[in-house]
Amino acid sequence: MQHRKVLFLLSIIFLFTFNSINAQAQNATPSAKEREINVLIQRAETHYQKGLAALAENNFSRMRSEFDLAVDEMLVTGLDLHSDARLQRYYRELVDKIVQHQLNAKASNEQVIKDQRFEGTFINDIGRLTEKELQELAVKTPEQPQVKTSDFSFKTDLPPAVNQFINYFTIGKGRKTLEMGFTRSGRYRQYAEKVFEREGVPKDLIWLAQAESVWQPIATSPMAARGIWQFIPSTGERFGLRQNGFLDERLDPEKSTEAAARYLRFLGDRYAGDWLLAMAAYNMGENGLDKAITRCGYADFWELREQGFLPQETKNYVPAILAIIAIAKQPDAYKVEMKPESSWQFDRIKIAIANDTSLNIVADTLAISPNTLYSFNPELLSNAIPFNGYSLRIPKGIDAKRLTLLMGEGQGEYKTRNVVKKKPKNN
């Protein structure tokens, strides 16, 4: 009898222990969301570590690409970064570390900081101006010329808000950024005007690039928008810009400009030729603007702005661009310096080989620096030609025949915008 009691008690203890261990094991098994978060953090951390390795090698172009990819991993996921404390903490710490690394790189390579800070990007200055700050710029100065709606290539009104931003750019703290963008615009302005005209978009709208990125091809925002036209990943893909491990065509000055023109044409059609609404939608998204119009009851930008149906950034975005356009039309009258750089000139060389030839090898063969080659092809993310070949931009006048031995007979051709010169065959 005593023996049976002992066995019974041991059975109870065993069952209790087994259930306890099993419960602990079940609790230790991560949920589907936790597994997804772990994978996301691991992917971002992989790019971050690669960025650190590139920084240690003073490969600042590669560092920038890997750090950008790390942030992109966090921002393009379907997960809400604010829905999980660990995810939110990791993202915040990741951005802080990346910014600090870029600042620390200043002593080694000043150009990296110049390219990364983008002090003129819209999201970092104009979009944050408050109503109080704008009111301080409301007084019209005697030196200002009269802005005329007839000067614009599209129909618009010019209420006092436009003059506020004219003052911001001419007598306020936005002047230096404005002049810097006017200078850089010379590289791409002629091409942008040609593309916009072809797509049926008013030429004046090329100045969205001034507000978006100050015409900086590698500009990157905290929300993963990239390039001169600041496409977010989804919109870039929607308008044909490829994004993969080899390249990000949002950074391609030509292809991104063509995509921006198509997007603006789409928005112009969507809002019946109202380019103020099209600009607002470019900033906040057409779905967000549609909701604002529905709530307001009027499809009019100034009415939406006055009634408070737009976010502060969009409220500032449209009048700021109108101000930029007005100043660009008569910079001397506003006493603003406008000395545009020479138009971007380059030749093309098509490398059709499908191997792992690096850009460093191509640059060395052409007797130019890798940084020069990267600057002509900012969309290339790695030190490698894409596996299916690529049409590289090279400085105009470079003797592309130097690549004959590298590519092999019949593997490449030398292109300009208007002429194709195929490599001569041996007799």
Protein backbone atom coordinates (compact mmCIF):
# COMPACT_ATOMS: atom_id res chain seq x y z
CA MET A 1 0.00 0.00 0.00
CA GLN A 2 2.79 2.35 0.92
CA HIS A 3 4.54 1.45 -2.33
CA ARG A 4 1.44 2.42 -4.35
CA LYS A 5 1.26 5.82 -2.61
CA VAL A 6 4.87 6.52 -3.46
CA LEU A 7 4.30 5.62 -7.14
CA PHE A 8 1.17 7.79 -7.22
CA LEU A 9 3.03 10.79 -5.77
CA LEU A 10 5.90 10.29 -8.21
CA SER A 11 3.42 10.18 -11.11
CA ILE A 12 1.84 13.44 -9.97
CA ILE A 13 5.27 15.10 -9.66
CA PHE A 14 6.29 13.83 -13.11
CA LEU A 15 3.12 15.07 -14.76
CA PHE A 16 3.44 18.46 -13.06
CA THR A 17 7.07 18.78 -14.07
CA PHE A 18 6.38 17.65 -17.66
CA ASN A 19 3.49 20.11 -18.06
CA SER A 20 5.59 22.91 -16.58
CA ILE A 21 8.51 22.23 -18.93
CA ASN A 22 6.16 21.91 -21.89
CA ALA A 23 4.49 25.22 -21.03
CA GLN A 24 7.88 26.91 -20.75
CA ALA A 25 8.90 25.48 -24.11
CA GLN A 26 5.72 26.76 -25.70
CA ASN A 27 6.25 30.18 -24.18
CA ALA A 28 9.84 30.18 -25.44
CA THR A 29 8.75 29.51 -29.02
CA PRO A 30 8.67 32.88 -30.81
CA SER A 31 5.47 33.97 -32.47
CA ALA A 32 5.22 34.49 -36.22
CA LYS A 33 5.57 38.24 -35.76
CA GLU A 34 8.63 37.84 -33.55
CA ARG A 35 10.24 35.60 -36.16
CA GLU A 36 9.48 38.18 -38.83
CA ILE A 37 11.03 40.91 -36.68
CA ASN A 38 14.13 38.77 -36.07
CA VAL A 39 14.60 38.20 -39.80
CA LEU A 40 14.09 41.90 -40.55
CA ILE A 41 16.63 43.00 -37.97
CA GLN A 42 19.08 40.39 -39.19
CA ARG A 43 18.78 41.64 -42.79
CA ALA A 44 19.26 45.27 -41.77
CA GLU A 45 22.16 44.36 -39.49
CA THR A 46 23.87 42.49 -42.33
CA HIS A 47 23.88 45.60 -44.50
CA TYR A 48 24.98 47.74 -41.55
CA GLN A 49 27.95 45.47 -40.86
CA LYS A 50 28.90 45.52 -44.55
CA GLY A 51 28.77 49.31 -44.36
CA LEU A 52 31.14 49.26 -41.41
CA ALA A 53 33.52 47.00 -43.34
CA ALA A 54 33.44 49.40 -46.30
CA LEU A 55 34.09 52.33 -43.97
CA ALA A 56 37.14 50.54 -42.56
CA GLU A 57 38.44 50.23 -46.13
CA ASN A 58 37.69 53.93 -46.87
CA ASN A 59 35.24 52.79 -49.54
CA PHE A 60 32.76 55.57 -48.86
CA SER A 61 30.59 54.92 -51.90
CA ARG A 62 30.06 51.31 -50.81
CA MET A 63 29.53 52.44 -47.21
CA ARG A 64 26.78 54.80 -48.29
CA SER A 65 25.06 52.11 -50.35
CA GLU A 66 25.11 49.52 -47.54
CA PHE A 67 23.90 51.99 -44.91
CA ASP A 68 21.08 53.07 -47.24
CA LEU A 69 20.12 49.44 -47.81
CA ALA A 70 20.06 48.84 -44.05
CA VAL A 71 17.60 51.69 -43.57
CA ASP A 72 15.60 50.60 -46.63
CA GLU A 73 15.15 47.14 -45.12
CA MET A 74 13.42 48.72 -42.13
CA LEU A 75 11.28 51.18 -44.05
CA VAL A 76 9.96 49.11 -46.92
CA THR A 77 8.76 46.26 -44.71
CA GLY A 78 5.06 45.86 -44.09
CA LEU A 79 5.66 45.98 -40.34
CA ASP A 80 4.74 49.11 -38.39
CA LEU A 81 7.99 50.21 -36.73
CA HIS A 82 5.99 51.65 -33.85
CA SER A 83 4.12 48.42 -33.18
CA ASP A 84 7.01 46.73 -31.39
CA ALA A 85 9.29 48.34 -28.80
CA ARG A 86 12.34 46.28 -29.81
CA LEU A 87 11.85 47.06 -33.50
CA GLN A 88 11.39 50.76 -32.81
CA ARG A 89 14.48 50.85 -30.57
CA TYR A 90 16.64 49.03 -33.12
CA TYR A 91 15.60 51.37 -35.95
CA ARG A 92 16.26 54.48 -33.86
CA GLU A 93 19.67 53.20 -32.77
CA LEU A 94 20.51 52.13 -36.34
CA VAL A 95 19.83 55.60 -37.75
CA ASP A 96 21.75 57.27 -34.92
CA LYS A 97 24.78 55.03 -35.52
CA ILE A 98 24.73 55.60 -39.28
CA VAL A 99 24.56 59.37 -38.86
CA GLN A 100 27.43 59.26 -36.37
CA HIS A 101 29.59 57.13 -38.69
CA GLN A 102 29.01 59.59 -41.51
CA LEU A 103 29.97 62.50 -39.29
CA ASN A 104 33.10 60.67 -38.12
CA ALA A 105 34.06 60.06 -41.76
CA LYS A 106 34.29 63.79 -42.31
CA ALA A 107 37.93 63.97 -41.30
CA SER A 108 38.81 61.22 -43.80
CA ASN A 109 36.67 62.29 -46.70
CA GLU A 110 34.92 65.65 -46.66
CA GLN A 111 33.00 64.83 -49.84
CA VAL A 112 31.06 62.04 -48.12
CA ILE A 113 29.52 64.48 -45.67
CA LYS A 114 28.84 66.99 -48.41
CA ASP A 115 26.94 64.35 -50.36
CA GLN A 116 25.14 62.82 -47.39
CA ARG A 117 23.87 65.82 -45.49
CA PHE A 118 21.77 67.35 -48.30
CA GLU A 119 21.14 70.46 -46.24
CA GLY A 120 18.72 71.73 -48.86
CA THR A 121 16.35 68.77 -49.01
CA PHE A 122 12.77 69.90 -48.59
CA ILE A 123 11.91 67.59 -45.72
CA ASN A 124 14.75 69.01 -43.63
CA ASP A 125 13.98 72.70 -43.89
CA ILE A 126 11.10 74.15 -45.95
CA GLY A 127 8.60 71.52 -44.92
CA ARG A 128 9.11 72.28 -41.25
CA LEU A 129 8.55 76.02 -41.41
CA THR A 130 5.73 76.95 -39.05
CA GLU A 131 2.96 79.49 -39.63
CA LYS A 132 4.68 81.85 -37.20
CA GLU A 133 7.96 81.67 -39.11
CA LEU A 134 6.15 82.25 -42.38
CA GLN A 135 4.29 85.26 -41.00
CA GLU A 136 7.62 86.85 -40.16
CA LEU A 137 8.40 86.72 -43.89
CA ALA A 138 5.05 88.11 -44.98
CA VAL A 139 6.14 91.73 -45.42
CA LYS A 140 6.97 92.44 -49.05
CA THR A 141 10.28 94.20 -49.54
CA PRO A 142 10.57 97.15 -51.94
CA GLU A 143 13.18 95.28 -54.01
CA GLN A 144 10.78 92.50 -55.00
CA PRO A 145 9.50 92.57 -58.58
CA GLN A 146 5.86 91.91 -59.26
CA VAL A 147 5.16 88.22 -59.81
CA LYS A 148 2.77 87.62 -62.69
CA THR A 149 0.69 84.50 -63.24
CA SER A 150 1.22 84.96 -66.99
CA ASP A 151 4.91 84.19 -66.47
CA PHE A 152 4.13 80.58 -65.52
CA SER A 153 3.78 77.69 -67.96
CA PHE A 154 0.63 76.50 -66.19
CA LYS A 155 -2.43 78.10 -64.65
CA THR A 156 -1.92 79.20 -61.07
CA ASP A 157 -2.85 81.72 -58.42
CA LEU A 158 -0.22 83.60 -56.44
CA PRO A 159 -1.57 84.38 -52.96
CA PRO A 160 0.53 85.96 -50.17
CA ALA A 161 1.97 82.57 -49.18
CA VAL A 162 4.06 82.62 -52.37
CA ASN A 163 5.59 85.97 -51.41
CA GLN A 164 6.43 84.55 -47.99
CA PHE A 165 8.55 81.88 -49.60
CA ILE A 166 10.06 84.35 -52.07
CA ASN A 167 11.26 86.26 -49.02
CA TYR A 168 12.50 83.06 -47.42
CA PHE A 169 14.63 82.30 -50.47
CA THR A 170 15.84 85.83 -51.11
CA ILE A 171 16.22 87.56 -47.74
CA GLY A 172 15.77 84.58 -45.40
CA LYS A 173 17.92 81.60 -44.50
CA GLY A 174 16.91 79.69 -47.63
CA ARG A 175 19.00 81.86 -49.97
CA LYS A 176 22.21 79.82 -49.79
CA THR A 177 20.40 76.56 -50.51
CA LEU A 178 18.49 78.17 -53.38
CA GLU A 179 21.66 79.42 -55.06
CA MET A 180 23.39 76.06 -54.56
CA GLY A 181 20.49 74.31 -56.28
CA PHE A 182 20.39 76.86 -59.10
CA THR A 183 24.06 76.14 -59.74
CA ARG A 184 23.68 72.34 -59.70
CA SER A 185 20.51 72.47 -61.83
CA GLY A 186 22.61 73.31 -64.86
CA ARG A 187 23.74 69.70 -65.08
CA TYR A 188 20.27 68.28 -65.60
CA ARG A 189 17.93 71.15 -66.46
CA GLN A 190 18.18 70.90 -70.25
CA TYR A 191 17.45 67.18 -70.20
CA ALA A 192 14.59 67.60 -67.70
CA GLU A 193 12.92 70.28 -69.82
CA LYS A 194 13.17 68.07 -72.90
CA VAL A 195 11.62 65.09 -71.10
CA PHE A 196 8.84 67.13 -69.47
CA GLU A 197 7.91 68.71 -72.81
CA ARG A 198 7.80 65.28 -74.44
CA GLU A 199 5.47 63.98 -71.70
CA GLY A 200 3.19 67.01 -71.87
CA VAL A 201 4.16 68.33 -68.42
CA PRO A 202 4.71 72.09 -67.94
CA LYS A 203 8.43 72.85 -68.09
CA ASP A 204 8.26 74.97 -64.94
CA LEU A 205 7.58 71.84 -62.92
CA ILE A 206 11.21 70.77 -63.31
CA TRP A 207 11.79 72.97 -60.24
CA LEU A 208 10.18 70.31 -58.07
CA ALA A 209 13.70 68.88 -58.13
CA GLN A 210 14.96 71.99 -56.36
CA ALA A 211 12.59 71.47 -53.44
CA GLU A 212 12.94 67.69 -53.40
CA SER A 213 16.72 67.27 -53.47
CA VAL A 214 18.43 70.50 -54.59
CA TRP A 215 19.17 68.50 -57.77
CA GLN A 216 21.31 65.98 -55.88
CA PRO A 217 21.23 62.54 -57.57
CA ILE A 218 22.14 60.55 -54.46
CA ALA A 219 19.92 62.42 -52.00
CA THR A 220 18.28 60.07 -49.48
CA SER A 221 15.54 61.00 -47.03
CA PRO A 222 14.81 59.40 -43.64
CA MET A 223 11.72 57.85 -45.24
CA ALA A 224 13.79 55.98 -47.90
CA ALA A 225 12.99 58.42 -50.71
CA ARG A 226 15.98 58.65 -53.05
CA GLY A 227 17.37 60.57 -55.99
CA ILE A 228 16.76 63.94 -57.61
CA TRP A 229 13.01 63.33 -57.60
CA GLN A 230 12.85 61.56 -54.22
CA PHE A 231 10.95 58.45 -55.21
CA ILE A 232 10.01 56.09 -52.41
CA PRO A 233 10.61 52.41 -53.32
CA SER A 234 7.00 51.56 -54.19
CA THR A 235 6.37 54.60 -56.41
CA GLY A 236 9.73 54.15 -58.10
CA GLU A 237 8.85 50.55 -58.95
CA ARG A 238 5.41 51.62 -60.08
CA PHE A 239 6.93 53.94 -62.69
CA GLY A 240 9.52 51.52 -63.95
CA LEU A 241 12.60 52.22 -61.82
CA ARG A 242 14.47 48.99 -61.09
CA GLN A 243 15.78 48.45 -57.55
CA ASN A 244 17.89 45.43 -56.72
CA GLY A 245 21.26 44.48 -55.27
CA PHE A 246 23.12 45.84 -58.30
CA LEU A 247 21.39 49.11 -59.00
CA ASP A 248 18.76 51.59 -57.86
CA GLU A 249 17.43 53.54 -60.82
CA ARG A 250 15.89 56.12 -58.51
CA LEU A 251 19.48 57.44 -58.38
CA ASP A 252 19.81 57.51 -62.17
CA PRO A 253 19.40 61.17 -63.22
CA GLU A 254 18.03 60.23 -66.64
CA LYS A 255 15.67 57.38 -65.81
CA SER A 256 14.38 59.01 -62.63
CA THR A 257 13.63 62.23 -64.54
CA GLU A 258 11.67 60.23 -67.12
CA ALA A 259 9.78 58.48 -64.32
CA ALA A 260 9.04 61.81 -62.59
CA ALA A 261 7.64 63.23 -65.82
CA ARG A 262 5.39 60.17 -66.27
CA TYR A 263 4.23 60.39 -62.66
CA LEU A 264 3.42 64.10 -62.98
CA ARG A 265 1.61 63.43 -66.26
CA PHE A 266 -0.45 60.79 -64.47
CA LEU A 267 -1.24 63.23 -61.65
CA GLY A 268 -2.08 66.01 -64.09
CA ASP A 269 -4.59 63.76 -65.80
CA ARG A 270 -5.98 62.57 -62.47
CA TYR A 271 -6.69 66.13 -61.34
CA ALA A 272 -7.99 67.44 -64.67
CA GLY A 273 -4.96 69.56 -65.47
CA ASP A 274 -4.79 71.25 -62.05
CA TRP A 275 -1.02 71.27 -61.56
CA LEU A 276 -1.23 72.68 -58.05
CA LEU A 277 -3.15 69.59 -56.99
CA ALA A 278 -0.72 67.44 -58.98
CA MET A 279 2.21 68.94 -57.03
CA ALA A 280 0.40 68.42 -53.74
CA ALA A 281 -0.24 64.77 -54.65
CA TYR A 282 3.41 64.33 -55.62
CA ASN A 283 4.31 65.34 -52.08
CA MET A 284 1.64 63.55 -50.03
CA GLY A 285 0.45 60.84 -52.41
CA GLU A 286 -2.69 60.85 -54.52
CA ASN A 287 -4.62 58.69 -52.05
CA GLY A 288 -3.93 61.11 -49.21
CA LEU A 289 -4.92 64.08 -51.35
CA ASP A 290 -8.11 62.35 -52.53
CA LYS A 291 -9.15 61.86 -48.91
CA ALA A 292 -8.42 65.51 -48.13
CA ILE A 293 -10.53 66.63 -51.10
CA THR A 294 -13.37 64.37 -49.99
CA ARG A 295 -13.32 65.81 -46.46
CA CYS A 296 -13.06 69.40 -47.70
CA GLY A 297 -15.56 69.15 -50.51
CA TYR A 298 -13.43 71.32 -52.83
CA ALA A 299 -10.78 70.20 -55.31
CA ASP A 300 -8.78 73.39 -54.88
CA PHE A 301 -5.30 73.53 -53.35
CA TRP A 302 -5.65 76.93 -51.68
CA GLU A 303 -9.03 75.98 -50.19
CA LEU A 304 -7.56 72.72 -48.86
CA ARG A 305 -4.66 74.68 -47.41
CA GLU A 306 -6.83 77.36 -45.83
CA GLN A 307 -9.25 74.85 -44.28
CA GLY A 308 -6.44 72.82 -42.70
CA PHE A 309 -6.93 69.58 -44.62
CA LEU A 310 -3.27 69.27 -45.63
CA PRO A 311 -0.19 68.35 -43.58
CA GLN A 312 2.19 71.22 -42.87
CA GLU A 313 4.78 69.93 -45.31
CA THR A 314 2.32 69.88 -48.22
CA LYS A 315 0.95 73.28 -47.22
CA ASN A 316 4.47 74.66 -47.65
CA TYR A 317 5.45 72.51 -50.62
CA VAL A 318 3.35 74.06 -53.37
CA PRO A 319 3.86 77.78 -52.58
CA ALA A 320 7.57 77.12 -52.06
CA ILE A 321 7.87 75.65 -55.56
CA LEU A 322 5.87 78.54 -57.03
CA ALA A 323 8.33 80.90 -55.33
CA ILE A 324 11.30 78.97 -56.74
CA ILE A 325 9.81 79.16 -60.23
CA ALA A 326 9.21 82.90 -59.92
CA ILE A 327 12.80 83.54 -58.81
CA ALA A 328 14.26 81.23 -61.48
CA LYS A 329 12.51 83.26 -64.18
CA GLN A 330 14.16 86.54 -63.15
CA PRO A 331 17.00 85.91 -60.68
CA ASP A 332 18.67 89.26 -61.39
CA ALA A 333 15.51 91.11 -60.39
CA TYR A 334 15.57 89.27 -57.07
CA LYS A 335 19.34 89.81 -56.75
CA VAL A 336 19.89 86.05 -56.58
CA GLU A 337 22.99 84.51 -58.13
CA MET A 338 22.20 81.95 -60.79
CA LYS A 339 25.33 80.53 -62.40
CA PRO A 340 24.32 77.07 -63.59
CA GLU A 341 26.97 74.44 -64.16
CA SER A 342 27.56 73.13 -67.65
CA SER A 343 25.06 70.58 -68.94
CA TRP A 344 25.90 66.97 -68.15
CA GLN A 345 27.97 65.60 -71.03
CA PHE A 346 29.01 62.00 -71.33
CA ASP A 347 29.53 59.11 -73.70
CA ARG A 348 28.31 55.57 -73.19
CA ILE A 349 30.12 52.30 -73.32
CA LYS A 350 28.10 49.12 -73.33
CA ILE A 351 29.68 46.24 -71.48
CA ALA A 352 27.75 43.18 -72.57
CA ILE A 353 29.80 40.55 -70.76
CA ALA A 354 28.09 38.54 -68.05
CA ASN A 355 30.87 38.17 -65.51
CA ASP A 356 32.03 39.74 -62.28
CA THR A 357 34.10 42.57 -63.78
CA SER A 358 34.38 45.29 -61.18
CA LEU A 359 33.92 49.00 -61.74
CA ASN A 360 37.38 49.52 -60.30
CA ILE A 361 38.85 47.44 -63.13
CA VAL A 362 36.84 49.38 -65.72
CA ALA A 363 37.94 52.70 -64.22
CA ASP A 364 41.58 51.59 -64.13
CA THR A 365 41.41 50.44 -67.75
CA LEU A 366 39.96 53.79 -68.81
CA ALA A 367 42.61 55.63 -66.74
CA ILE A 368 40.01 57.46 -64.65
CA SER A 369 39.36 57.30 -60.93
CA PRO A 370 36.67 54.96 -59.55
CA ASN A 371 34.98 57.96 -57.93
CA THR A 372 34.67 59.62 -61.33
CA LEU A 373 33.07 56.50 -62.78
CA TYR A 374 30.71 56.24 -59.78
CA SER A 375 29.72 59.91 -60.13
CA PHE A 376 28.63 59.27 -63.73
CA ASN A 377 26.71 56.14 -62.71
CA PRO A 378 25.27 56.86 -59.23
CA GLU A 379 22.58 54.21 -59.69
CA LEU A 380 25.11 51.37 -59.44
CA LEU A 381 25.14 50.14 -55.86
CA SER A 382 28.06 47.72 -55.91
CA ASN A 383 31.51 47.53 -57.36
CA ALA A 384 30.34 45.22 -60.13
CA ILE A 385 28.75 45.32 -63.56
CA PRO A 386 25.22 43.83 -63.42
CA PHE A 387 25.27 40.17 -64.47
CA ASN A 388 23.52 40.84 -67.80
CA GLY A 389 25.82 43.70 -68.75
CA TYR A 390 25.33 47.46 -68.55
CA SER A 391 25.59 50.67 -70.56
CA LEU A 392 27.99 52.78 -68.52
CA ARG A 393 28.31 56.54 -68.72
CA ILE A 394 31.89 57.72 -69.02
CA PRO A 395 33.37 61.24 -69.24
CA LYS A 396 33.08 62.63 -72.74
CA GLY A 397 36.18 62.14 -74.83
CA ILE A 398 37.57 59.11 -73.01
CA ASP A 399 39.10 56.55 -75.40
CA ALA A 400 36.83 53.54 -74.91
CA LYS A 401 39.03 51.34 -77.09
CA ARG A 402 41.10 50.71 -73.97
CA LEU A 403 38.40 48.28 -72.89
CA THR A 404 38.93 46.03 -75.93
CA LEU A 405 41.20 43.59 -74.13
CA LEU A 406 39.06 43.64 -71.00
CA MET A 407 35.79 42.87 -72.79
CA GLY A 408 37.05 40.60 -75.53
CA GLU A 409 36.25 40.76 -79.21
CA GLY A 410 32.62 41.57 -80.00
CA GLN A 411 31.69 42.14 -76.36
CA GLY A 412 31.08 45.87 -76.28
CA GLU A 413 30.29 49.01 -78.19
CA TYR A 414 30.93 52.70 -77.72
CA LYS A 415 27.91 55.00 -77.74
CA THR A 416 27.15 58.71 -77.63
CA ARG A 417 23.68 60.18 -77.44
CA ASN A 418 23.38 60.48 -81.22
CA VAL A 419 26.05 58.20 -82.66
CA VAL A 420 26.89 54.53 -82.21
CA LYS A 421 30.45 53.60 -83.11
CA LYS A 422 30.92 49.87 -83.14
CA LYS A 423 34.37 48.57 -82.48
CA PRO A 424 36.14 47.92 -85.80
CA LYS A 425 36.91 44.33 -86.71
CA ASN A 426 40.43 43.18 -87.39
CA ASN A 427 41.26 42.78 -91.08
